Structure formats: C-alpha cells, structure tokens
Amino acid sequence: MKKNILIVDDSALMRRVLSDTVNSDERYQVKDIANNGEEGLKLILANPTGYDAILLDIYMPKMTGLELLMELEKRRGNYPRIVICSTKADESAEETMIALEHGAFDFIKKPENLINAKSNTFKEALLAILGVATESRPKRSILSTRPSPAATNNVVIRTSATKPSSFMTKPPVRNLSIPTQKGTGNKLIALACSTGGPKTLQSVIPLLPEGLNAPMVLVQHMPKGFTKSLAMRLNDMSKVEVKEAAEGDVLQKGCVYIAPGGSHLKVAKLPGGGYKAVISDEPPRDALKPCANIMYESLVGSAYDEIVCVVLTGMGADGTEGIKALKKRNKVYVISQDEETCVVYGMPKMVAQAGLSDEVLPITEVANSIVKKVGVQ
C-alpha cells in the first residue's frame, strides 16, 4: 500500500514539483494539497492518521508553517512527521531552526530554479528524507520511560528517568546542576549527529558548564548557511561558547566549533603546540558534506590524552569508520545515544553494533557523561 503525503505550500510551481517527485516513487502518493497553513491545519486535524508524512513550506499567507507547527504542538497529538521545505539559507535559516525545535522532523532546501527542481539530486534527497520520515509513527517526545535492554559486554546502558512533554525552545538549563570535577589532561570532545540533531543538541550543549576543560568539534549534517544559525541559537542558550568553525580557529577549552554546512571540518596540529580547525572543500563522502568520518580521521595520531567521541541521532552510519580508525591509534571513549531517545536510531546504532560504544545513554545523561570525562578548568 502506498504511503500518503500531504503537501502544504502556497507556490503552485513547488506544489507541482513536489507532487511529481513524490508520485514518481511507487512507495508514495500525494493524497492532499493545501495552499496555506490554515488549510493544512484543517486537513491534519480532520484526519490526523490519514497522512504518513507532511511536506511543509514556511512562508505562506493566512498561517505560516511555523504557526501550523505551534498549533500542533499545543494539541500534543501523535501527528505525522513533518518535513520543512525551506528556501535559501539567508532567508529562512533561523525559521528552519525554530521549526525543528517545534516538532519538524527534518528539512530540505527548496531548489532555486526549475532546472534544479527537476534534478536527480533534489529528487533523491527528498525521497531519502521521506523514506526515513515514513518508516514508523513518530513518538510524541524524543524521550521515553520504557526501559532499555540490560547492560551487556561491559557497555554501560542506562534508561531515561523522566519524560518531559516536549523540548522547550530555550530550556532553563542555567538552573540545572551537573556534578563537576577538576579536569586533568589535554582532552577533546568530538560529536556527530544528523537527523533530529538540531533539537537534540539543545539537551546536550546548554547543559555543559562554563569552564569545560576541553574544546568540542561538532559535525551536524546540514547544507551551507544553516549551521551559522544553529550555532547562534545554541550559543544564546549555553554557558559554553558555540560558533560556526572558521579556517584557522585555535581550539579553546570551553568552546564548541560546529562544522560549516557544505564543508568538512578537520583538526590539525599547530607548529607551536595546540590544535586548529581546518575547513576543507574536498568532495562529499557518502553524499555527506560535512562528514563525521573525515573529522574523526583527522584526529588519528593526534597528541590528545583522550578523545571523547559522542554520536547522537541520525540516519546512516557516518562516524563509525572514523571512530574505528581513531581507536587504533588514540585513547578514545565513545558515548552513543540510546534508541529510545533518538529521532532516528541510525548513526549511534551502527557505532554500538560495531562494538565501539563505551556507554549507550539516553539524551538526558549525555552532557553529564561528557563532563565526568573531561571535567572543568
């Protein structure tokens, strides 16, 4: 049976492009089309189980995509996964980040012209997102109280103690206390995430204390232009400094460096000691740019006393091979997110199945584990 897709967009051209792309795949069919958010909301509320996924524009008359998401969020229902179809990054990056915070599953950049709209690149990207979005009915919250399997093979596996109703745009993290201890040694945190990452990162980065005794390099799969907005939003709600990495940035303790969308992030040793960020324009690997494997591989043989690798929600297996290579030469401690709290249990699953994980944790405990490993200054 084909899966039903709802398209909500005020552009007749985009409705046609999206419809043609969706209907070209035998797995899907466009069931309904709405010209604005108000029409889309009525269709969703009238038949909340009638769609397997929704493609949603941001800028529309009568009701925007953000307003639609917030209306659904108020109702706290088990609605289909929503994929934002966003315009150019300089026009809608911040709005796209807000949409992800308010329940959107993922996003895809709208093609800038008809030629790009009909390209295989856009078609394959959209169908790949729909493939993951329609795999199963989404949970109301990322977190779950259902217990995880017991610990096996000396890997620590814990379960969530609480289940908040939803993530807040700005969590009251400054009132939360994570036990800290004096950090020793020269350590680095290297984090990778993909689908569900922007929202999930809000349950990690803002909980890190001021004076964190290690820098963090971070790969979040995103196109060019969106990571700057992600960094700014995380920086506003965090005690650590968060920035989009730039060529030559000297890695400082207590600072998070996010790989720029559309570029790879590497780490290189400085002649006088210390390490810097290197922004690479080499081709995508496994269709990913940035790619976490490239970041991890750049750390092989580095002089860090320990590298804490963190792998969070995301489809695919990015990070596994890079961590595997890194473990052969360096002292590495690997934290992977558990299945229950992942939006998509792909990247952390592959790391765990490869036997690389030292801990498998719910997202609520990841920040605490990081701090225990690196300490504070």
Protein backbone atom coordinates (compact mmCIF):
# COMPACT_ATOMS: atom_id res chain seq x y z
CA MET A 1 0.00 0.00 0.00
CA LYS A 2 1.30 3.43 -0.91
CA LYS A 3 2.04 5.92 1.85
CA ASN A 4 0.03 9.12 1.84
CA ILE A 5 1.75 12.50 1.70
CA LEU A 6 0.24 15.94 2.39
CA ILE A 7 1.82 18.95 0.67
CA VAL A 8 1.32 22.40 2.23
CA ASP A 9 2.77 25.18 0.04
CA ASP A 10 1.45 28.42 -1.42
CA SER A 11 3.57 28.16 -4.58
CA ALA A 12 1.80 26.44 -7.47
CA LEU A 13 5.17 25.62 -9.03
CA MET A 14 6.51 23.99 -5.85
CA ARG A 15 3.30 22.06 -5.34
CA ARG A 16 3.72 20.64 -8.85
CA VAL A 17 7.43 19.89 -8.37
CA LEU A 18 6.86 18.19 -5.02
CA SER A 19 3.84 16.27 -6.29
CA ASP A 20 5.70 15.00 -9.35
CA THR A 21 8.66 13.92 -7.21
CA VAL A 22 6.54 12.16 -4.61
CA ASN A 23 4.31 10.42 -7.16
CA SER A 24 7.31 9.27 -9.19
CA ASP A 25 8.13 6.77 -6.44
CA GLU A 26 5.87 3.74 -6.18
CA ARG A 27 6.07 3.88 -2.38
CA TYR A 28 4.20 7.20 -2.09
CA GLN A 29 1.25 9.17 -3.34
CA VAL A 30 0.18 12.75 -2.74
CA LYS A 31 -3.16 12.38 -1.00
CA ASP A 32 -3.95 16.07 -0.42
CA ILE A 33 -2.62 19.53 -1.18
CA ALA A 34 -3.11 22.71 0.86
CA ASN A 35 -2.38 26.24 -0.38
CA ASN A 36 -1.52 27.64 3.06
CA GLY A 37 -1.01 26.68 6.68
CA GLU A 38 -4.63 27.27 7.64
CA GLU A 39 -5.86 24.79 5.03
CA GLY A 40 -3.14 22.36 6.01
CA LEU A 41 -4.03 22.51 9.71
CA LYS A 42 -7.69 21.80 8.96
CA LEU A 43 -6.76 18.75 6.89
CA ILE A 44 -4.42 17.40 9.58
CA LEU A 45 -6.89 17.89 12.44
CA ALA A 46 -9.73 16.39 10.42
CA ASN A 47 -7.71 13.26 9.68
CA PRO A 48 -4.65 13.03 11.98
CA THR A 49 -3.89 9.44 10.96
CA GLY A 50 -4.58 9.94 7.27
CA TYR A 51 -1.06 11.01 6.30
CA ASP A 52 2.25 9.26 6.66
CA ALA A 53 4.29 12.46 6.24
CA ILE A 54 3.78 16.16 5.53
CA LEU A 55 5.85 18.49 3.32
CA LEU A 56 5.51 21.99 4.77
CA ASP A 57 6.52 25.41 3.48
CA ILE A 58 7.49 28.15 5.96
CA TYR A 59 6.33 31.38 4.35
CA MET A 60 2.62 31.26 3.49
CA PRO A 61 -0.40 33.58 3.77
CA LYS A 62 -3.10 33.18 6.46
CA MET A 63 -0.93 30.81 8.51
CA THR A 64 2.81 30.18 8.20
CA GLY A 65 4.50 26.83 8.57
CA LEU A 66 5.81 27.85 11.98
CA GLU A 67 2.34 28.80 13.16
CA LEU A 68 1.00 25.45 11.97
CA LEU A 69 3.71 23.60 13.89
CA MET A 70 2.99 25.56 17.04
CA GLU A 71 -0.72 24.83 16.76
CA LEU A 72 0.01 21.11 16.50
CA GLU A 73 2.46 21.37 19.39
CA LYS A 74 -0.27 22.85 21.62
CA ARG A 75 -2.52 19.88 20.89
CA ARG A 76 0.19 17.34 21.76
CA GLY A 77 -1.18 14.76 19.35
CA ASN A 78 0.62 11.92 17.62
CA TYR A 79 0.79 13.63 14.24
CA PRO A 80 2.71 12.56 11.12
CA ARG A 81 6.31 13.59 10.72
CA ILE A 82 6.71 16.98 9.10
CA VAL A 83 9.49 17.85 6.66
CA ILE A 84 10.13 21.56 6.15
CA CYS A 85 10.71 22.66 2.56
CA SER A 86 12.88 25.70 3.14
CA THR A 87 14.03 28.48 0.86
CA LYS A 88 17.59 29.82 0.67
CA ALA A 89 19.54 29.77 3.93
CA ASP A 90 19.95 33.52 4.14
CA GLU A 91 16.18 33.90 4.01
CA SER A 92 14.95 31.14 6.31
CA ALA A 93 17.77 29.50 8.28
CA GLU A 94 16.63 30.84 11.63
CA GLU A 95 13.00 30.00 10.93
CA THR A 96 14.04 26.50 9.92
CA MET A 97 15.89 26.05 13.23
CA ILE A 98 12.79 27.22 15.10
CA ALA A 99 10.65 24.79 13.08
CA LEU A 100 12.91 21.90 14.09
CA GLU A 101 12.62 22.98 17.72
CA HIS A 102 8.83 22.94 17.47
CA GLY A 103 8.47 19.46 16.12
CA ALA A 104 9.57 19.36 12.48
CA PHE A 105 11.31 16.09 11.70
CA ASP A 106 13.81 17.36 9.13
CA PHE A 107 14.15 19.89 6.33
CA ILE A 108 15.21 20.14 2.72
CA LYS A 109 16.23 23.24 0.79
CA LYS A 110 13.88 24.19 -2.00
CA PRO A 111 15.53 24.20 -5.41
CA GLU A 112 16.36 27.73 -6.57
CA ASN A 113 15.15 27.22 -10.13
CA LEU A 114 13.18 24.79 -12.29
CA ILE A 115 16.32 23.06 -13.59
CA ASN A 116 17.46 22.25 -10.03
CA ALA A 117 13.91 21.28 -9.12
CA LYS A 118 13.94 18.58 -11.79
CA SER A 119 17.42 17.35 -10.97
CA ASN A 120 18.12 13.89 -9.61
CA THR A 121 19.96 15.47 -6.68
CA PHE A 122 16.83 17.13 -5.31
CA LYS A 123 14.63 14.13 -6.12
CA GLU A 124 16.94 11.66 -4.39
CA ALA A 125 17.33 13.90 -1.33
CA LEU A 126 13.60 14.40 -0.93
CA LEU A 127 12.77 10.71 -1.37
CA ALA A 128 15.51 9.74 1.10
CA ILE A 129 14.04 12.04 3.74
CA LEU A 130 10.54 10.71 3.09
CA GLY A 131 11.87 7.17 3.37
CA VAL A 132 13.05 7.78 6.92
CA ALA A 133 10.13 10.02 7.89
CA THR A 134 7.55 7.39 6.94
CA GLU A 135 9.31 4.40 8.47
CA SER A 136 7.25 4.48 11.66
CA ARG A 137 4.78 6.59 13.55
CA PRO A 138 6.66 9.27 15.50
CA LYS A 139 6.68 9.38 19.27
CA ARG A 140 5.20 12.42 20.95
CA SER A 141 8.51 13.09 22.66
CA ILE A 142 12.10 12.18 21.91
CA LEU A 143 12.43 10.82 25.44
CA SER A 144 10.85 7.65 26.72
CA THR A 145 10.37 5.96 30.07
CA ARG A 146 10.42 2.48 28.59
CA PRO A 147 13.47 0.61 29.91
CA SER A 148 16.36 -0.20 27.63
CA PRO A 149 17.95 -3.65 27.47
CA ALA A 150 20.26 -4.64 30.29
CA ALA A 151 23.92 -3.79 30.11
CA THR A 152 25.97 -6.24 28.08
CA ASN A 153 29.60 -6.70 27.06
CA ASN A 154 30.79 -4.19 29.71
CA VAL A 155 29.00 -1.34 27.91
CA VAL A 156 27.06 0.90 30.28
CA ILE A 157 23.43 1.22 29.16
CA ARG A 158 21.01 3.45 31.09
CA THR A 159 17.41 4.49 30.67
CA SER A 160 15.58 7.80 30.96
CA ALA A 161 14.25 8.65 34.39
CA THR A 162 11.76 11.24 33.19
CA LYS A 163 9.75 12.02 30.11
CA PRO A 164 9.17 15.73 29.53
CA SER A 165 6.23 16.58 27.28
CA SER A 166 8.41 18.39 24.77
CA PHE A 167 11.67 20.24 24.29
CA MET A 168 11.48 23.93 25.02
CA THR A 169 12.94 26.49 22.67
CA LYS A 170 15.13 27.80 25.48
CA PRO A 171 15.38 25.17 28.24
CA PRO A 172 16.03 26.54 31.75
CA VAL A 173 19.47 24.99 31.69
CA ARG A 174 21.14 27.63 33.79
CA ASN A 175 19.17 26.35 36.76
CA LEU A 176 20.28 22.77 36.20
CA SER A 177 23.29 21.44 38.04
CA ILE A 178 25.63 18.79 36.68
CA PRO A 179 28.22 17.50 39.16
CA THR A 180 31.66 18.56 38.02
CA GLN A 181 35.22 17.79 38.99
CA LYS A 182 38.53 19.40 38.23
CA GLY A 183 39.64 18.41 34.76
CA THR A 184 43.06 16.97 34.11
CA GLY A 185 44.99 16.31 30.93
CA ASN A 186 44.58 17.54 27.39
CA LYS A 187 41.29 16.22 26.05
CA LEU A 188 38.93 16.84 23.13
CA ILE A 189 35.24 16.16 22.56
CA ALA A 190 34.21 15.16 19.02
CA LEU A 191 30.45 14.94 18.42
CA ALA A 192 28.48 13.80 15.37
CA CYS A 193 24.74 13.91 14.64
CA SER A 194 22.30 14.19 11.77
CA THR A 195 18.50 13.88 11.52
CA GLY A 196 16.98 15.21 14.74
CA GLY A 197 20.31 16.71 15.76
CA PRO A 198 19.43 20.43 15.98
CA LYS A 199 16.72 19.75 18.56
CA THR A 200 18.63 17.01 20.35
CA LEU A 201 21.70 19.22 20.74
CA GLN A 202 19.61 21.50 22.94
CA SER A 203 19.61 18.72 25.53
CA VAL A 204 23.42 18.49 25.49
CA ILE A 205 25.25 21.73 24.68
CA PRO A 206 23.33 24.08 27.04
CA LEU A 207 23.97 21.69 29.94
CA LEU A 208 27.76 21.89 29.58
CA PRO A 209 29.28 24.08 32.31
CA GLU A 210 31.27 27.24 31.89
CA GLY A 211 34.94 26.33 32.11
CA LEU A 212 34.54 22.96 30.41
CA ASN A 213 38.04 21.50 30.35
CA ALA A 214 38.07 20.61 26.66
CA PRO A 215 37.09 22.05 23.29
CA MET A 216 34.39 20.34 21.23
CA VAL A 217 34.33 19.85 17.46
CA LEU A 218 30.90 19.01 16.10
CA VAL A 219 29.53 17.72 12.79
CA GLN A 220 25.81 18.19 12.17
CA HIS A 221 24.74 17.23 8.67
CA MET A 222 23.37 20.46 7.17
CA PRO A 223 23.65 22.42 3.94
CA LYS A 224 25.60 25.64 3.62
CA GLY A 225 24.19 28.59 5.54
CA PHE A 226 22.15 26.76 8.18
CA THR A 227 24.91 25.90 10.65
CA LYS A 228 25.60 29.55 11.46
CA SER A 229 22.03 29.95 12.66
CA LEU A 230 22.26 26.69 14.60
CA ALA A 231 25.45 27.89 16.32
CA MET A 232 23.92 31.25 17.20
CA ARG A 233 20.82 29.67 18.75
CA LEU A 234 22.87 27.20 20.80
CA ASN A 235 25.24 29.96 21.88
CA ASP A 236 22.34 32.08 23.15
CA MET A 237 21.18 29.32 25.49
CA SER A 238 24.54 27.91 26.61
CA LYS A 239 27.27 28.67 29.10
CA VAL A 240 29.96 27.45 26.73
CA GLU A 241 30.72 29.46 23.60
CA VAL A 242 29.26 27.98 20.43
CA LYS A 243 30.35 29.13 16.97
CA GLU A 244 30.45 28.02 13.38
CA ALA A 245 34.05 26.91 12.87
CA ALA A 246 36.27 29.09 10.69
CA GLU A 247 39.57 28.28 8.99
CA GLY A 248 42.43 28.57 11.47
CA ASP A 249 40.33 28.77 14.65
CA VAL A 250 42.58 27.74 17.54
CA LEU A 251 40.64 25.18 19.55
CA GLN A 252 39.99 26.60 23.01
CA LYS A 253 38.63 24.82 26.06
CA GLY A 254 35.02 25.66 26.78
CA CYS A 255 34.20 26.35 23.13
CA VAL A 256 32.13 24.33 20.63
CA TYR A 257 33.10 24.51 16.95
CA ILE A 258 30.37 23.44 14.50
CA ALA A 259 31.43 22.31 11.03
CA PRO A 260 30.11 24.78 8.45
CA GLY A 261 27.34 23.33 6.32
CA GLY A 262 28.67 22.31 2.90
CA SER A 263 32.26 21.95 4.16
CA HIS A 264 34.27 19.37 6.06
CA LEU A 265 35.83 20.09 9.44
CA LYS A 266 39.27 18.72 10.23
CA VAL A 267 41.60 19.23 13.18
CA ALA A 268 45.30 19.95 12.61
CA LYS A 269 48.25 20.46 14.96
CA LEU A 270 49.75 23.94 15.26
CA PRO A 271 53.56 24.31 14.93
CA GLY A 272 53.90 25.79 18.41
CA GLY A 273 51.51 23.38 20.07
CA GLY A 274 47.76 23.18 20.30
CA TYR A 275 45.29 22.46 17.51
CA LYS A 276 43.31 24.43 14.95
CA ALA A 277 40.23 23.97 12.79
CA VAL A 278 40.76 23.29 9.10
CA ILE A 279 37.82 23.86 6.75
CA SER A 280 38.01 21.56 3.74
CA ASP A 281 36.16 21.79 0.44
CA GLU A 282 37.03 18.27 -0.67
CA PRO A 283 34.18 16.27 -2.26
CA PRO A 284 31.36 14.78 -0.19
CA ARG A 285 31.92 11.33 1.21
CA ASP A 286 28.92 9.02 1.13
CA ALA A 287 27.00 12.08 -0.12
CA LEU A 288 27.79 13.90 3.13
CA LYS A 289 29.41 17.30 3.48
CA PRO A 290 30.28 17.79 6.29
CA CYS A 291 31.20 14.20 7.06
CA ALA A 292 31.93 12.98 10.61
CA ASN A 293 34.24 10.22 9.41
CA ILE A 294 36.54 12.85 7.90
CA MET A 295 36.58 14.79 11.18
CA TYR A 296 37.41 11.68 13.22
CA GLU A 297 40.08 10.53 10.79
CA SER A 298 41.83 13.91 11.05
CA LEU A 299 42.33 13.19 14.76
CA VAL A 300 44.14 9.88 14.21
CA GLY A 301 47.60 10.12 15.78
CA SER A 302 46.88 13.45 17.50
CA ALA A 303 48.52 14.14 20.85
CA TYR A 304 45.33 14.48 22.88
CA ASP A 305 45.44 12.45 26.10
CA GLU A 306 41.90 11.29 25.39
CA ILE A 307 39.23 11.98 22.79
CA VAL A 308 35.61 11.69 23.90
CA CYS A 309 33.56 10.73 20.83
CA VAL A 310 29.82 11.35 21.03
CA VAL A 311 27.39 10.04 18.41
CA LEU A 312 23.77 11.20 18.54
CA THR A 313 20.61 10.73 16.48
CA GLY A 314 20.87 10.45 12.70
CA MET A 315 20.29 8.15 9.77
CA GLY A 316 23.12 6.23 8.18
CA ALA A 317 26.44 5.16 9.62
CA ASP A 318 28.59 8.31 9.50
CA GLY A 319 31.15 8.27 12.29
CA THR A 320 31.58 4.51 12.65
CA GLU A 321 34.59 4.03 10.37
CA GLY A 322 36.26 7.21 11.59
CA ILE A 323 35.97 6.21 15.25
CA LYS A 324 37.15 2.71 14.41
CA ALA A 325 40.32 4.15 12.82
CA LEU A 326 40.78 6.58 15.69
CA LYS A 327 40.58 3.83 18.33
CA LYS A 328 43.52 2.03 16.74
CA ARG A 329 45.91 4.91 17.45
CA ASN A 330 44.42 7.03 20.22
CA LYS A 331 42.85 6.70 23.64
CA VAL A 332 39.15 7.11 22.90
CA TYR A 333 35.96 6.99 24.98
CA VAL A 334 32.73 6.61 22.99
CA ILE A 335 29.29 7.73 24.10
CA SER A 336 26.35 6.85 21.84
CA GLN A 337 22.71 7.85 22.24
CA ASP A 338 20.21 5.10 23.02
CA GLU A 339 17.42 4.00 20.70
CA GLU A 340 14.61 5.23 22.94
CA THR A 341 15.61 8.88 22.80
CA CYS A 342 16.81 9.03 19.18
CA VAL A 343 14.70 10.65 16.49
CA VAL A 344 16.39 8.23 14.08
CA TYR A 345 18.41 5.36 15.51
CA GLY A 346 20.97 5.03 12.74
CA MET A 347 24.39 6.55 13.42
CA PRO A 348 24.55 5.63 17.13
CA LYS A 349 23.15 2.18 16.39
CA MET A 350 25.96 1.45 13.92
CA VAL A 351 28.60 2.64 16.40
CA ALA A 352 27.13 0.44 19.13
CA GLN A 353 26.76 -2.59 16.85
CA ALA A 354 30.41 -2.22 15.83
CA GLY A 355 31.36 -2.67 19.48
CA LEU A 356 32.79 0.85 19.71
CA SER A 357 30.50 2.29 22.40
CA ASP A 358 31.70 2.55 25.98
CA GLU A 359 28.35 3.96 27.08
CA VAL A 360 24.89 3.90 25.50
CA LEU A 361 22.87 6.65 27.15
CA PRO A 362 19.53 8.47 26.93
CA ILE A 363 19.98 12.03 25.75
CA THR A 364 19.27 13.35 29.26
CA GLU A 365 22.52 11.81 30.51
CA VAL A 366 24.92 12.59 27.68
CA ALA A 367 26.05 16.01 28.95
CA ASN A 368 26.66 14.60 32.41
CA SER A 369 28.82 11.82 31.00
CA ILE A 370 30.84 14.28 28.90
CA VAL A 371 31.54 16.46 31.93
CA LYS A 372 32.57 13.45 34.02
CA LYS A 373 35.11 12.50 31.38
CA VAL A 374 36.71 15.92 30.81
CA GLY A 375 35.92 17.90 33.98
CA VAL A 376 36.13 21.67 34.38
CA GLN A 377 39.05 24.06 34.49
